[in-house]
Structures are given as structure tokens and as C-alpha cells.
Amino acid sequence: MLYREMKKTGDQLSILGFGCMRLPQKKGTPGDGRIDEERATALIRTAIDQGVNYLDTAYLYHLGASEPFLGKALADGYREKVYLATKLPYWLTDDRESMDRILHAQLQRLQTGRVDYYLLHGINEHSWRKLEALGVTDFLDRAKADGRIARAGFSFHGEEEAFPKIIDAYDWDCCQIQYNYLDENYQAGKNGLQYAAARDVGVIVMEPLRGGLLAKPPPSEVEKIWNEAEVKRTPAEWALRWVWNQPEVTVVLSGMSDERQLQENLQIAAEGYPESLADRELRLIQRVERAYRDLMIAGCTGCQYCMPCPAGVDIPTCFEGYNYKYLYGDARWAKIFYLIRVGGGLGDQPPGRASQCTGCGQCVTRCPQKIPIPDLMQDITAELEGGFFNTKLWFLAKYKKFLQWRLRAGAKK
């Protein structure tokens, strides 16, 4: 296993981190979060035995089952072998005290006295303002001072211009961004990666395979390009090597859900040196990226020039869900992604659904790709908001309130 240093902390972290959002589940229970604990425990312990020392989870992964599972899986001395990361779900915080309640519950669930890397989960400019006003910097300072957390960071899902503002707002140890060869200019993007690294903020990359989609057998148009390579690699190897090729990256998270994926990723990680891909290989990856863009229903690059929308539509995120459905034939994941990211039922920010589009056309005049955005918003509304969408939003909102109630009730015991 190769390791890279987290500059501010000096921690030597494995370049391959284990993301605990897609652990193996029991047969016949897809989507209900029930982890196959025997198999998942063996998977995690094998990864640790092979040198993986960074584990990433969150309060809601596997519908809340991931943290308690890890608490058990890291028994027998495995907790001491890893840096454990989890996240503060900002959508469950409504005051300063709630942050302490959540962290207290997480420490109990994880069966540990300390979280090594504690991140604010999936924040953007709006949620950062909310957390800052509630006193999150004081919370982080106190939690670090009394040893409940060792390092502080945030994971980011927002617009590029917000990223440096958040980086500069606190003395962060690390940040986590979505980054892969299709998302080089999406959200924080390459500019954000370099901005953080220049300030010695460690960068942890999530979604290097776009939820596993870049590891799937590629469309024929893409496969033809890969076949031109002098050195033959699997789609997953190309995607992971592209991220590790960049010296600014410290850790790459992979949500490994079976033994084959773990072994493949371990083998790829053994060659994950910075600046190890040849220029001709990087040009090949650029051609693959363009081929994928050509195949997408909406050729959106996530540049954000269409934003803000007067009607509040999160146009790039709507297109991301839509492209998932048609590029990879995965309608179920597209609908889940869309519901959570733009539905407005889980977070505290307003929804950004395609159905909010009024057809004003301002976005069309600003789009470099000249995408007929209003027309496609109608298609997205029909295809991703059908099937009891409002009912699902209602249940999601109720679930959020239940979690808040459970945290308050637990704090009173």
C-alpha cells in the first residue's frame, strides 16, 4: 500500500480509503440498508490487513446502520489500526447544542472515544452560513480541545465559487470533494483541489468512479478509445489512476461492496503514484471524457454558467441525475439521487427540482453548450418526478424529524 501525508497533521494515510456507504447487504434486501455484517466485517478487516488505514462513514449511510456496524467491525484491535472518519449531518442541526448531541450519539454508535477525522457533511454556501451562525467553529474547537475529535474538515457539494470561501473561513485539516475525469470542472473541481492543496488542506476524493459507474463495461464508443492504449487497463483502473496521478490528492475513497472490488482496488493502488501517467495516456482519457459527453442526453459540463436560476432550479444537478439514467440505464439510482439532491425533503435549503422551471429561457442564453434547458426540464420532470414523488418527499421529511426527535430523546437519558 502507498501512503501520502496529510500536511497539517503529519498523518500517513493510505491512498486508498474505504468508503462505508456501499457495504454488502443481505440477499433480498436491496435498498433497505441492512448490512451483511459477517461479510462486510471480513471485507473491512481484509482491507486493513492489506494496509488500508482510512475508513469513512456518515450518520445516515445504510439508513443509519453504517456507524453502529463499524463500531462492532473494528473490535479485536482493528480500531487502533485506522483513522476513522464520520460526518456531522448539518440538516439535523437546529442549534449549537444539537451538534454535541449528534457527536455524542456517533461516538456511542462507533464505540469509540474519538473520531479521527470529523467532517461537516455535504455542505455548500447556504448550509455553511447556517452552521457558522449556529456556532459550528466553536463546536469544532471545543471538540478538538477535549479530544472527542482529532481533525476537522468538511465534504463539499456546492458551486465552485463557494469552495474557497469555506476553505478560508476556518483552520481546516482536510476537505472532501467529488472528483473524477468526468467531474474535473464540477463543484469544487480542479481549481478547488489546487486551492485547498496550496493552503495545506488535505484533499480526500469521493466518487472517483462516479458511484461505480466508471467501473462498468463502457459504451462501445468509449471502449474503442480504451483499446488504443499501449498499456491495457480496466475502466476502474483508468479512473482511479487518473485521480491518484494528481499530487494534490491525499486519499481516494472507494465504496467497495465485494471481495473482487477490494482486490482490484488494492492492486490498482499499488501503482497509484503521482504524475505516473504518460502524456499520451492523459490525452486518451480526455478523449474518453469527450466521448462520454457526446453520449449524454444533456451535454452539461457542470460549468454553472446557467446559474442562478430565477425559479430556483438546480440545473446542473438535475442534468446529472438525468444523464445517470440514460448513460448507464440506471433509473432507480437516478431517481434516488434526484430525490435527495434536489427534492428539498432532507436538507434545509429550498428544492431545486426541474418542475420549478418557468421556461423563461435565461439559462439558454448563458449556456456555452447551447443546451435547450427548458425543454429538457420538462422531460426530467416527467421521468424523475413521477411515481409518487411528493409522497416520497413527505416520508423523507418525516424521517428527518424522527431522527431529530431520537437525538433529543437520547440526550435526555
Foldseek 3Di string as FASTA:
>chain_A
DAWDALQVPRDTAQQEEAEAQQAAADPPDPPQLHHPLVQRLVLVVVLLVLPHAEYEYECCRSHRLRLLSQLVSCPPPNVVSHQYEYEDALQLDDALVLSVLVLVVSCVSNVHQAHAEYAHEADFQVSVVVCVVRPVQVVVVVCCVVHNYPFYEYEYDYAQVRLVVVLVPHVHSAYEYEDWLLQQPAHVHPVNLVSCLVVSHAYEYECLCVLVVQQDDAPPVLVVLQVVDPDHDGSVLLSQLVVLQAPSHRYYYDHDHHDVVSVVVSVSSVPSHHVPDDPVSVVSSVVSSVVLLVQFPFSDSNNCQLDDDPLQAPQVQLSVLRRCCRRVVCLPVSLVSQCVPAVCLRHPDHGRALVSDPLPCSSQVRDPVSTSRNVVSVVSCVRRCDDCNVVVSVVSNVSSVVVSVVSVVVVVD
